[in-house]
């Protein structure tokens, strides 16, 4: 079991990097859990109707009424990205990220995200999701599509990335997330985030890609909307 002092020492090494909520709280929690395999996980959901009469949709997963879900025994943290890029295949010029990223088209954009999360090597990551909000001021095509996450393993800088300079990435084991007209989308990234405990210098963030789209796509907010109806992408963590 790590002491609060040793956890704080690790966090001190990234002092000055913004974007994570409740960093002091992470330093204070006792963390445990092996780096090995974990039990099979409940199926993902966006509402109680998908979980049957004896289940509930808790933190994006169908949970049985019997027993206490692991997420309810965990601490939830929300982290904003430290760098963002939205890249279309035909993007030839670099620049700041737009207000929204249009994904779900046949040649949809890729969304690159980097987070600064000081996980201990003994932390048990119960769940990890990228939360995306549909841009409220843009129309969404009703045609469903899927999103999946991969691990970025090359250096990149959001304002300078183009389709020609897209960093290398490796496929993760994370399941695809089906997207319809929901206002909030959860993309499973637990297998990627669990690797961050090893402090691998090749871990450079997360890239989201869409498959199966055949319409005009869906605009996902990259910044808070003026009316507060949507916010930009965040990483949602459940840690024990």
Protein backbone atom coordinates (compact mmCIF):
# COMPACT_ATOMS: atom_id res chain seq x y z
CA UNK A 1 0.00 0.00 0.00
CA UNK A 2 1.44 3.37 -0.98
CA UNK A 3 1.51 6.20 1.51
CA UNK A 4 -0.03 9.57 0.75
CA UNK A 5 3.50 11.01 0.81
CA UNK A 6 4.76 8.69 -1.93
CA UNK A 7 1.70 9.38 -4.09
CA UNK A 8 2.18 13.13 -3.64
CA UNK A 9 5.81 12.78 -4.70
CA UNK A 10 4.69 11.23 -7.97
CA UNK A 11 2.12 13.93 -8.55
CA UNK A 12 4.64 16.66 -7.81
CA UNK A 13 6.58 15.59 -10.90
CA UNK A 14 3.75 16.81 -13.14
CA UNK A 15 3.04 20.01 -11.21
CA UNK A 16 1.90 22.79 -13.46
CA UNK A 17 0.09 20.54 -15.93
CA UNK A 18 -3.57 21.58 -15.85
CA UNK A 19 -6.79 19.87 -16.72
CA UNK A 20 -7.45 17.34 -13.97
CA UNK A 21 -10.07 17.77 -11.29
CA UNK A 22 -9.38 16.87 -7.66
CA UNK A 23 -5.66 16.06 -8.01
CA UNK A 24 -5.21 16.52 -4.27
CA UNK A 25 -7.94 13.98 -3.64
CA UNK A 26 -6.19 11.43 -5.87
CA UNK A 27 -3.07 11.92 -3.82
CA UNK A 28 -4.94 11.13 -0.62
CA UNK A 29 -6.72 7.95 -1.63
CA UNK A 30 -5.31 4.52 -0.84
CA UNK A 31 -4.86 2.61 -4.06
CA UNK A 32 -4.60 -1.12 -4.56
CA UNK A 33 -5.09 -3.77 -7.20
CA UNK A 34 -2.94 -5.93 -9.45
CA UNK A 35 -1.89 -4.99 -12.95
CA UNK A 36 -3.20 -8.28 -14.28
CA UNK A 37 -6.53 -9.38 -15.67
CA UNK A 38 -9.87 -8.32 -14.24
CA UNK A 39 -13.28 -10.03 -14.29
CA UNK A 40 -15.51 -9.68 -17.33
CA UNK A 41 -17.41 -6.42 -17.42
CA UNK A 42 -21.14 -5.75 -17.75
CA UNK A 43 -22.37 -4.57 -21.13
CA UNK A 44 -22.41 -0.86 -21.93
CA UNK A 45 -25.68 1.09 -21.86
CA UNK A 46 -27.08 4.56 -22.31
CA UNK A 47 -30.31 4.04 -20.36
CA UNK A 48 -32.13 1.65 -18.00
CA UNK A 49 -34.27 0.22 -20.83
CA UNK A 50 -31.18 -1.53 -22.23
CA UNK A 51 -30.52 -3.43 -18.98
CA UNK A 52 -33.75 -5.40 -18.53
CA UNK A 53 -36.13 -5.53 -15.60
CA UNK A 54 -33.50 -6.63 -13.06
CA UNK A 55 -30.75 -4.19 -13.85
CA UNK A 56 -29.85 -0.52 -13.91
CA UNK A 57 -27.58 1.59 -16.08
CA UNK A 58 -24.82 2.80 -13.73
CA UNK A 59 -21.91 4.85 -15.12
CA UNK A 60 -22.52 3.53 -18.61
CA UNK A 61 -22.72 -0.18 -17.65
CA UNK A 62 -25.67 -2.50 -16.99
CA UNK A 63 -25.52 -3.49 -13.33
CA UNK A 64 -27.58 -6.18 -11.61
CA UNK A 65 -29.91 -5.19 -8.80
CA UNK A 66 -28.13 -7.79 -6.65
CA UNK A 67 -24.96 -6.58 -4.94
CA UNK A 68 -23.09 -3.31 -5.14
CA UNK A 69 -21.50 -2.29 -8.47
CA UNK A 70 -17.75 -1.74 -8.38
CA UNK A 71 -18.15 1.83 -9.59
CA UNK A 72 -20.16 2.64 -6.46
CA UNK A 73 -17.20 1.44 -4.40
CA UNK A 74 -14.80 3.61 -6.41
CA UNK A 75 -13.91 7.29 -6.53
CA UNK A 76 -14.89 9.22 -9.66
CA UNK A 77 -12.58 11.78 -11.23
CA UNK A 78 -13.05 13.96 -14.30
CA UNK A 79 -10.07 15.26 -16.29
CA UNK A 80 -10.08 17.77 -19.14
CA UNK A 81 -7.63 17.24 -22.01
CA UNK A 82 -4.37 19.15 -22.12
CA UNK A 83 -4.30 18.98 -25.93
CA UNK A 84 -6.97 18.38 -28.61
CA UNK A 85 -6.96 17.98 -32.38
CA UNK A 86 -9.73 17.17 -34.89
CA UNK A 87 -8.28 15.99 -38.20
CA UNK A 88 -10.08 15.25 -41.47
CA UNK A 89 -8.42 13.12 -44.14
CA UNK A 90 -8.21 16.16 -46.41
CA UNK A 91 -6.81 18.54 -43.77
CA UNK A 92 -3.64 20.04 -45.23
CA UNK A 93 -3.27 23.07 -42.94
CA UNK A 94 -2.73 23.14 -39.20
CA UNK A 95 -4.37 25.40 -36.64
CA UNK A 96 -6.33 25.49 -33.38
CA UNK A 97 -9.05 22.88 -32.83
CA UNK A 98 -12.51 23.92 -34.11
CA UNK A 99 -15.50 24.33 -31.80
CA UNK A 100 -16.81 20.89 -32.84
CA UNK A 101 -15.57 17.75 -34.57
CA UNK A 102 -17.75 16.09 -37.21
CA UNK A 103 -17.54 12.30 -36.81
CA UNK A 104 -19.59 9.43 -38.21
CA UNK A 105 -19.29 10.30 -41.89
CA UNK A 106 -17.83 7.81 -44.41
CA UNK A 107 -14.62 9.89 -44.31
CA UNK A 108 -15.15 11.23 -40.81
CA UNK A 109 -12.62 13.10 -38.72
CA UNK A 110 -10.26 11.65 -36.14
CA UNK A 111 -10.24 13.13 -32.64
CA UNK A 112 -6.92 13.24 -30.77
CA UNK A 113 -6.87 13.80 -27.00
CA UNK A 114 -4.08 14.01 -24.43
CA UNK A 115 -4.68 13.88 -20.67
CA UNK A 116 -2.38 14.41 -17.66
CA UNK A 117 -3.49 11.81 -15.13
CA UNK A 118 -1.03 10.84 -12.34
CA UNK A 119 -2.02 7.22 -11.77
CA UNK A 120 -0.04 5.15 -9.29
CA UNK A 121 1.29 1.84 -10.62
CA UNK A 122 -0.91 0.14 -8.01
CA UNK A 123 -4.12 2.00 -8.87
CA UNK A 124 -7.09 -0.17 -9.81
CA UNK A 125 -8.84 1.44 -12.77
CA UNK A 126 -12.40 0.13 -12.54
CA UNK A 127 -13.76 2.09 -15.50
CA UNK A 128 -12.47 4.79 -17.83
CA UNK A 129 -14.43 6.61 -20.52
CA UNK A 130 -14.03 9.57 -22.81
CA UNK A 131 -17.26 11.55 -22.49
CA UNK A 132 -18.36 13.43 -25.59
CA UNK A 133 -21.24 15.88 -25.89
CA UNK A 134 -23.20 16.45 -29.07
CA UNK A 135 -22.89 20.06 -30.21
CA UNK A 136 -26.35 21.56 -29.52
CA UNK A 137 -26.24 24.11 -32.35
CA UNK A 138 -25.51 21.59 -35.13
CA UNK A 139 -27.81 19.04 -36.76
CA UNK A 140 -27.05 15.35 -36.18
CA UNK A 141 -27.65 12.73 -38.85
CA UNK A 142 -29.96 9.98 -37.52
CA UNK A 143 -27.80 7.25 -39.08
CA UNK A 144 -26.00 5.37 -36.28
CA UNK A 145 -22.25 4.77 -36.33
CA UNK A 146 -19.56 3.41 -34.00
CA UNK A 147 -16.61 5.01 -32.22
CA UNK A 148 -13.51 3.19 -31.03
CA UNK A 149 -10.36 4.32 -29.26
CA UNK A 150 -6.69 3.59 -29.97
CA UNK A 151 -3.46 4.44 -28.15
CA UNK A 152 -1.30 7.20 -29.64
CA UNK A 153 2.39 6.25 -29.53
CA UNK A 154 4.01 9.17 -31.35
CA UNK A 155 4.60 12.80 -30.50
CA UNK A 156 2.05 15.41 -31.59
CA UNK A 157 1.01 18.98 -30.96
CA UNK A 158 -2.66 19.80 -31.51
CA UNK A 159 -2.40 23.11 -33.41
CA UNK A 160 0.28 21.64 -35.70
CA UNK A 161 -1.26 18.28 -36.65
CA UNK A 162 -2.51 17.68 -40.20
CA UNK A 163 -3.62 14.55 -42.04
CA UNK A 164 -0.06 14.18 -43.33
CA UNK A 165 1.52 14.48 -39.86
CA UNK A 166 -0.94 12.30 -37.93
CA UNK A 167 1.00 10.54 -35.14
CA UNK A 168 1.28 6.72 -35.14
CA UNK A 169 -1.18 4.78 -33.00
CA UNK A 170 -1.86 1.17 -32.03
CA UNK A 171 -5.21 -0.59 -31.81
CA UNK A 172 -6.52 -1.24 -28.30
CA UNK A 173 -8.83 -4.01 -27.12
CA UNK A 174 -11.57 -1.52 -26.17
CA UNK A 175 -15.04 -2.29 -27.46
CA UNK A 176 -16.75 -0.11 -30.04
CA UNK A 177 -19.37 2.34 -28.82
CA UNK A 178 -22.58 2.59 -30.83
CA UNK A 179 -23.65 6.20 -31.35
CA UNK A 180 -27.19 7.34 -32.12
CA UNK A 181 -28.81 10.66 -31.34
CA UNK A 182 -27.80 10.68 -27.65
CA UNK A 183 -26.60 14.01 -26.29
CA UNK A 184 -23.79 12.35 -24.28
CA UNK A 185 -21.59 9.53 -25.60
CA UNK A 186 -19.29 7.35 -23.48
CA UNK A 187 -16.35 5.72 -25.27
CA UNK A 188 -14.65 2.88 -23.39
CA UNK A 189 -10.92 3.59 -22.93
CA UNK A 190 -10.15 1.52 -19.84
CA UNK A 191 -7.60 -0.77 -21.51
CA UNK A 192 -5.66 2.27 -22.71
CA UNK A 193 -5.80 4.15 -19.40
CA UNK A 194 -4.71 1.10 -17.39
CA UNK A 195 -1.42 1.15 -19.30
CA UNK A 196 -0.69 4.67 -18.05
CA UNK A 197 0.18 3.16 -14.66
CA UNK A 198 3.40 1.82 -16.21
CA UNK A 199 4.59 5.36 -17.08
CA UNK A 200 5.50 4.25 -20.62
CA UNK A 201 7.05 7.25 -22.41
CA UNK A 202 5.44 6.15 -25.68
CA UNK A 203 1.94 6.80 -24.28
CA UNK A 204 0.96 10.04 -26.01
CA UNK A 205 -2.82 10.07 -25.71
CA UNK A 206 -5.98 8.67 -27.25
CA UNK A 207 -7.30 8.82 -30.80
CA UNK A 208 -10.99 8.24 -31.57
CA UNK A 209 -12.15 7.03 -34.97
CA UNK A 210 -15.61 6.31 -36.36
CA UNK A 211 -16.79 3.36 -38.44
CA UNK A 212 -20.05 2.44 -40.14
CA UNK A 213 -21.22 5.96 -40.85
CA UNK A 214 -23.01 6.69 -44.10
CA UNK A 215 -24.68 10.06 -43.51
CA UNK A 216 -23.53 13.57 -42.74
CA UNK A 217 -22.26 12.60 -39.30
CA UNK A 218 -22.56 14.16 -35.85
CA UNK A 219 -20.82 17.27 -34.56
CA UNK A 220 -19.22 16.62 -31.15
CA UNK A 221 -18.41 19.63 -28.98
CA UNK A 222 -14.74 20.41 -28.38
CA UNK A 223 -15.48 23.42 -26.17
CA UNK A 224 -18.32 24.42 -23.82
CA UNK A 225 -21.37 25.80 -25.59
CA UNK A 226 -22.48 29.36 -24.93
CA UNK A 227 -25.75 28.21 -23.34
CA UNK A 228 -24.07 25.60 -21.13
CA UNK A 229 -25.91 22.71 -22.79
CA UNK A 230 -22.68 20.94 -23.77
CA UNK A 231 -19.06 20.83 -22.74
CA UNK A 232 -15.90 19.65 -24.43
CA UNK A 233 -14.51 16.10 -24.16
CA UNK A 234 -13.43 14.86 -20.72
CA UNK A 235 -11.95 11.69 -19.30
CA UNK A 236 -14.16 10.03 -16.66
CA UNK A 237 -12.26 7.73 -14.29
CA UNK A 238 -13.43 5.34 -11.57
CA UNK A 239 -10.48 4.37 -9.37
CA UNK A 240 -10.15 2.15 -6.30
